[in-house]
Amino acid sequence: MCEGCVDICPWKCIWMLSTEAVADAVNTVEPGLDPDDKVIFVVDEDVCTRCGLCVDRCPTGVIIMGKTGVAPRDGDPHQRDMNHGYAYGMRF
């Protein structure tokens, strides 16, 4: 992983952590952890503003940002603000 998303984030809320660091942390869970994974992509949702710079910066397209929940009947304007329900994830 190139860590371009880590470098471009203006809020410094993205980390690439080793699987050992997460395993050693207290009260953490590793959902869907693949034994071949060497790093875990972590976004601090309390700090992230959903600006999308990391999504645009990712050369391989593995970082995705999608709307969670149901779009309103009159359409989905994709307006970004602090309460719009966007979440980050990894796409393989």
C-alpha atoms as a PDB file:
ATOM      1  CA  MET A   1       0.000   0.000   0.000  1.00  0.00           C
ATOM      2  CA  CYS A   2       1.369   3.391  -0.993  1.00  0.00           C
ATOM      3  CA  GLU A   3      -0.144   5.357   1.936  1.00  0.00           C
ATOM      4  CA  GLY A   4      -1.025   8.238  -0.386  1.00  0.00           C
ATOM      5  CA  CYS A   5      -4.319   8.598   1.463  1.00  0.00           C
ATOM      6  CA  VAL A   6      -2.440   9.014   4.740  1.00  0.00           C
ATOM      7  CA  ASP A   7      -0.261  11.734   3.205  1.00  0.00           C
ATOM      8  CA  ILE A   8      -3.087  13.705   1.571  1.00  0.00           C
ATOM      9  CA  CYS A   9      -5.508  13.710   4.518  1.00  0.00           C
ATOM     10  CA  PRO A  10      -5.678  17.299   5.851  1.00  0.00           C
ATOM     11  CA  TRP A  11      -7.011  16.082   9.212  1.00  0.00           C
ATOM     12  CA  LYS A  12      -4.480  13.233   9.643  1.00  0.00           C
ATOM     13  CA  CYS A  13      -7.266  10.835  10.586  1.00  0.00           C
ATOM     14  CA  ILE A  14      -6.157   7.884   8.410  1.00  0.00           C
ATOM     15  CA  TRP A  15      -3.706   5.265   9.596  1.00  0.00           C
ATOM     16  CA  MET A  16      -2.242   2.059   8.239  1.00  0.00           C
ATOM     17  CA  LEU A  17      -1.686  -0.199  11.236  1.00  0.00           C
ATOM     18  CA  SER A  18       0.072  -3.521  11.400  1.00  0.00           C
ATOM     19  CA  THR A  19      -2.124  -6.480  12.250  1.00  0.00           C
ATOM     20  CA  GLU A  20       0.111  -7.100  15.270  1.00  0.00           C
ATOM     21  CA  ALA A  21      -0.552  -3.594  16.623  1.00  0.00           C
ATOM     22  CA  VAL A  22      -4.299  -4.131  16.391  1.00  0.00           C
ATOM     23  CA  ALA A  23      -4.074  -7.611  17.910  1.00  0.00           C
ATOM     24  CA  ASP A  24      -2.082  -6.207  20.856  1.00  0.00           C
ATOM     25  CA  ALA A  25      -4.524  -3.332  21.467  1.00  0.00           C
ATOM     26  CA  VAL A  26      -7.027  -3.637  24.285  1.00  0.00           C
ATOM     27  CA  ASN A  27     -10.746  -4.046  23.457  1.00  0.00           C
ATOM     28  CA  THR A  28     -10.362  -4.167  19.673  1.00  0.00           C
ATOM     29  CA  VAL A  29     -11.984  -6.444  17.153  1.00  0.00           C
ATOM     30  CA  GLU A  30     -10.682  -7.391  13.721  1.00  0.00           C
ATOM     31  CA  PRO A  31     -13.821  -8.002  11.636  1.00  0.00           C
ATOM     32  CA  GLY A  32     -13.259  -9.984   8.457  1.00  0.00           C
ATOM     33  CA  LEU A  33      -9.505 -10.065   8.960  1.00  0.00           C
ATOM     34  CA  ASP A  34      -7.786 -11.951   6.150  1.00  0.00           C
ATOM     35  CA  PRO A  35      -4.744 -13.917   7.391  1.00  0.00           C
ATOM     36  CA  ASP A  36      -2.782 -12.607   4.384  1.00  0.00           C
ATOM     37  CA  ASP A  37      -3.363  -8.957   5.346  1.00  0.00           C
ATOM     38  CA  LYS A  38      -0.236  -7.140   6.517  1.00  0.00           C
ATOM     39  CA  VAL A  39      -1.884  -3.820   7.383  1.00  0.00           C
ATOM     40  CA  ILE A  40      -5.289  -2.610   8.500  1.00  0.00           C
ATOM     41  CA  PHE A  41      -6.780   0.609   7.101  1.00  0.00           C
ATOM     42  CA  VAL A  42      -8.256   2.759   9.887  1.00  0.00           C
ATOM     43  CA  VAL A  43     -10.194   6.039   9.613  1.00  0.00           C
ATOM     44  CA  ASP A  44     -11.065   8.034  12.732  1.00  0.00           C
ATOM     45  CA  GLU A  45     -14.735   8.687  11.983  1.00  0.00           C
ATOM     46  CA  ASP A  46     -14.910  11.366  14.693  1.00  0.00           C
ATOM     47  CA  VAL A  47     -12.281  13.496  12.929  1.00  0.00           C
ATOM     48  CA  CYS A  48     -12.958  12.698   9.256  1.00  0.00           C
ATOM     49  CA  THR A  49     -14.888  15.416   7.385  1.00  0.00           C
ATOM     50  CA  ARG A  50     -15.625  13.154   4.375  1.00  0.00           C
ATOM     51  CA  CYS A  51     -13.809  15.504   2.020  1.00  0.00           C
ATOM     52  CA  GLY A  52     -13.020  12.592  -0.307  1.00  0.00           C
ATOM     53  CA  LEU A  53      -9.388  13.527  -0.961  1.00  0.00           C
ATOM     54  CA  CYS A  54      -8.232  10.037   0.006  1.00  0.00           C
ATOM     55  CA  VAL A  55     -10.703   8.480  -2.440  1.00  0.00           C
ATOM     56  CA  ASP A  56      -9.460  10.721  -5.255  1.00  0.00           C
ATOM     57  CA  ARG A  57      -5.809  10.104  -4.339  1.00  0.00           C
ATOM     58  CA  CYS A  58      -6.000   6.289  -4.262  1.00  0.00           C
ATOM     59  CA  PRO A  59      -4.296   5.038  -7.459  1.00  0.00           C
ATOM     60  CA  THR A  60      -5.851   1.570  -7.225  1.00  0.00           C
ATOM     61  CA  GLY A  61      -9.415   2.525  -6.274  1.00  0.00           C
ATOM     62  CA  VAL A  62      -9.535   0.383  -3.133  1.00  0.00           C
ATOM     63  CA  ILE A  63     -10.800   3.225  -0.959  1.00  0.00           C
ATOM     64  CA  ILE A  64     -14.475   3.828  -1.511  1.00  0.00           C
ATOM     65  CA  MET A  65     -16.894   6.267   0.014  1.00  0.00           C
ATOM     66  CA  GLY A  66     -20.527   5.387  -0.307  1.00  0.00           C
ATOM     67  CA  LYS A  67     -23.820   6.518   1.062  1.00  0.00           C
ATOM     68  CA  THR A  68     -25.156   4.396   3.874  1.00  0.00           C
ATOM     69  CA  GLY A  69     -28.876   4.248   4.282  1.00  0.00           C
ATOM     70  CA  VAL A  70     -31.743   4.793   1.874  1.00  0.00           C
ATOM     71  CA  ALA A  71     -31.756   7.653  -0.628  1.00  0.00           C
ATOM     72  CA  PRO A  72     -34.774   9.992  -0.460  1.00  0.00           C
ATOM     73  CA  ARG A  73     -37.574   9.532  -3.043  1.00  0.00           C
ATOM     74  CA  ASP A  74     -36.862  12.894  -4.666  1.00  0.00           C
ATOM     75  CA  GLY A  75     -33.284  11.936  -5.467  1.00  0.00           C
ATOM     76  CA  ASP A  76     -29.914  11.932  -3.805  1.00  0.00           C
ATOM     77  CA  PRO A  77     -28.071  15.268  -4.193  1.00  0.00           C
ATOM     78  CA  HIS A  78     -24.786  13.856  -2.759  1.00  0.00           C
ATOM     79  CA  GLN A  79     -24.302  16.926  -0.609  1.00  0.00           C
ATOM     80  CA  ARG A  80     -21.391  16.570   1.763  1.00  0.00           C
ATOM     81  CA  ASP A  81     -21.695  17.834   5.307  1.00  0.00           C
ATOM     82  CA  MET A  82     -20.949  16.520   8.772  1.00  0.00           C
ATOM     83  CA  ASN A  83     -24.227  14.583   9.080  1.00  0.00           C
ATOM     84  CA  HIS A  84     -24.804  13.014   5.695  1.00  0.00           C
ATOM     85  CA  GLY A  85     -24.063   9.370   6.519  1.00  0.00           C
ATOM     86  CA  TYR A  86     -21.063   8.675   4.318  1.00  0.00           C
ATOM     87  CA  ALA A  87     -18.695   5.938   5.387  1.00  0.00           C
ATOM     88  CA  TYR A  88     -15.334   4.739   4.183  1.00  0.00           C
ATOM     89  CA  GLY A  89     -14.354   1.200   3.408  1.00  0.00           C
ATOM     90  CA  MET A  90     -12.067  -0.987   1.388  1.00  0.00           C
ATOM     91  CA  ARG A  91     -12.996  -2.628  -1.897  1.00  0.00           C
ATOM     92  CA  PHE A  92     -11.049  -5.683  -3.033  1.00  0.00           C
END
